[in-house]
């Protein structure tokens, strides 16, 4: 299920890093210092890979996933 803008903005830092799925392999990692890093999990053959977008907005992360 896709995150809403409100849900994304309400993600608060915890003592440990945690990830929240947005759907389609797109995830956001919330770091203890409050930064939100976007990454895409995908498969090539039998290997799972991760592509990191960095600190960008929710809209930009979804746009980059499609291109």
C-alpha atoms as a PDB file:
ATOM      1  CA  UNK A   1       0.000   0.000   0.000  1.00  0.00           C
ATOM      2  CA  UNK A   2       1.357   3.402  -0.970  1.00  0.00           C
ATOM      3  CA  UNK A   3       2.250   5.936   1.694  1.00  0.00           C
ATOM      4  CA  UNK A   4       0.242   9.136   1.779  1.00  0.00           C
ATOM      5  CA  UNK A   5       2.003  12.491   2.076  1.00  0.00           C
ATOM      6  CA  UNK A   6       0.731  12.751   5.654  1.00  0.00           C
ATOM      7  CA  UNK A   7       2.067   9.291   6.579  1.00  0.00           C
ATOM      8  CA  UNK A   8       5.447  10.106   5.035  1.00  0.00           C
ATOM      9  CA  UNK A   9       5.707  13.419   6.903  1.00  0.00           C
ATOM     10  CA  UNK A  10       4.757  11.752  10.199  1.00  0.00           C
ATOM     11  CA  UNK A  11       7.598   9.194  10.101  1.00  0.00           C
ATOM     12  CA  UNK A  12       9.653  10.005  13.188  1.00  0.00           C
ATOM     13  CA  UNK A  13      13.190   8.862  14.027  1.00  0.00           C
ATOM     14  CA  UNK A  14      13.654   6.064  16.531  1.00  0.00           C
ATOM     15  CA  UNK A  15      16.771   4.829  18.322  1.00  0.00           C
ATOM     16  CA  UNK A  16      17.421   2.338  15.493  1.00  0.00           C
ATOM     17  CA  UNK A  17      17.083   2.646  11.719  1.00  0.00           C
ATOM     18  CA  UNK A  18      13.828   1.276  10.296  1.00  0.00           C
ATOM     19  CA  UNK A  19      12.276   0.937   6.837  1.00  0.00           C
ATOM     20  CA  UNK A  20       8.737   1.491   5.579  1.00  0.00           C
ATOM     21  CA  UNK A  21       7.494   0.091   2.255  1.00  0.00           C
ATOM     22  CA  UNK A  22       5.734   2.336  -0.255  1.00  0.00           C
ATOM     23  CA  UNK A  23       4.888  -0.394  -2.764  1.00  0.00           C
ATOM     24  CA  UNK A  24       6.438  -1.807  -5.918  1.00  0.00           C
ATOM     25  CA  UNK A  25       9.791  -2.338  -4.206  1.00  0.00           C
ATOM     26  CA  UNK A  26      10.118   1.325  -3.184  1.00  0.00           C
ATOM     27  CA  UNK A  27      11.066   1.812   0.474  1.00  0.00           C
ATOM     28  CA  UNK A  28      12.070   4.658   2.743  1.00  0.00           C
ATOM     29  CA  UNK A  29      14.677   4.183   5.465  1.00  0.00           C
ATOM     30  CA  UNK A  30      14.314   6.460   8.511  1.00  0.00           C
ATOM     31  CA  UNK A  31      17.620   7.055  10.264  1.00  0.00           C
ATOM     32  CA  UNK A  32      18.027   7.915  13.976  1.00  0.00           C
ATOM     33  CA  UNK A  33      19.128  11.463  13.048  1.00  0.00           C
ATOM     34  CA  UNK A  34      15.811  12.049  11.228  1.00  0.00           C
ATOM     35  CA  UNK A  35      16.986  11.699   7.621  1.00  0.00           C
ATOM     36  CA  UNK A  36      14.733   9.766   5.210  1.00  0.00           C
ATOM     37  CA  UNK A  37      16.575   7.843   2.489  1.00  0.00           C
ATOM     38  CA  UNK A  38      14.681   6.303  -0.440  1.00  0.00           C
ATOM     39  CA  UNK A  39      15.737   3.018  -2.028  1.00  0.00           C
ATOM     40  CA  UNK A  40      14.345   0.557  -4.563  1.00  0.00           C
ATOM     41  CA  UNK A  41      14.619  -3.209  -4.082  1.00  0.00           C
ATOM     42  CA  UNK A  42      14.549  -5.265  -7.281  1.00  0.00           C
ATOM     43  CA  UNK A  43      15.643  -8.623  -8.684  1.00  0.00           C
ATOM     44  CA  UNK A  44      17.850  -9.529 -11.621  1.00  0.00           C
ATOM     45  CA  UNK A  45      17.805 -13.246 -12.135  1.00  0.00           C
ATOM     46  CA  UNK A  46      18.089 -14.772  -8.690  1.00  0.00           C
ATOM     47  CA  UNK A  47      19.943 -11.842  -7.109  1.00  0.00           C
ATOM     48  CA  UNK A  48      18.225  -9.173  -5.092  1.00  0.00           C
ATOM     49  CA  UNK A  49      19.622  -5.675  -5.592  1.00  0.00           C
ATOM     50  CA  UNK A  50      19.139  -2.281  -3.985  1.00  0.00           C
ATOM     51  CA  UNK A  51      19.305   1.103  -5.719  1.00  0.00           C
ATOM     52  CA  UNK A  52      19.461   4.141  -3.424  1.00  0.00           C
ATOM     53  CA  UNK A  53      17.912   7.457  -4.472  1.00  0.00           C
ATOM     54  CA  UNK A  54      18.962   9.434  -1.392  1.00  0.00           C
ATOM     55  CA  UNK A  55      17.136  12.206   0.454  1.00  0.00           C
ATOM     56  CA  UNK A  56      14.427  13.249  -1.981  1.00  0.00           C
ATOM     57  CA  UNK A  57      10.709  13.953  -1.717  1.00  0.00           C
ATOM     58  CA  UNK A  58       7.971  11.342  -1.881  1.00  0.00           C
ATOM     59  CA  UNK A  59       6.874  12.591  -5.314  1.00  0.00           C
ATOM     60  CA  UNK A  60      10.424  12.559  -6.720  1.00  0.00           C
ATOM     61  CA  UNK A  61      11.054   9.021  -5.421  1.00  0.00           C
ATOM     62  CA  UNK A  62       7.916   7.703  -7.134  1.00  0.00           C
ATOM     63  CA  UNK A  63       8.818   9.528 -10.358  1.00  0.00           C
ATOM     64  CA  UNK A  64      12.349   8.083 -10.397  1.00  0.00           C
ATOM     65  CA  UNK A  65      11.004   4.590  -9.762  1.00  0.00           C
ATOM     66  CA  UNK A  66       8.978   4.801 -12.969  1.00  0.00           C
ATOM     67  CA  UNK A  67      11.883   5.954 -15.156  1.00  0.00           C
END
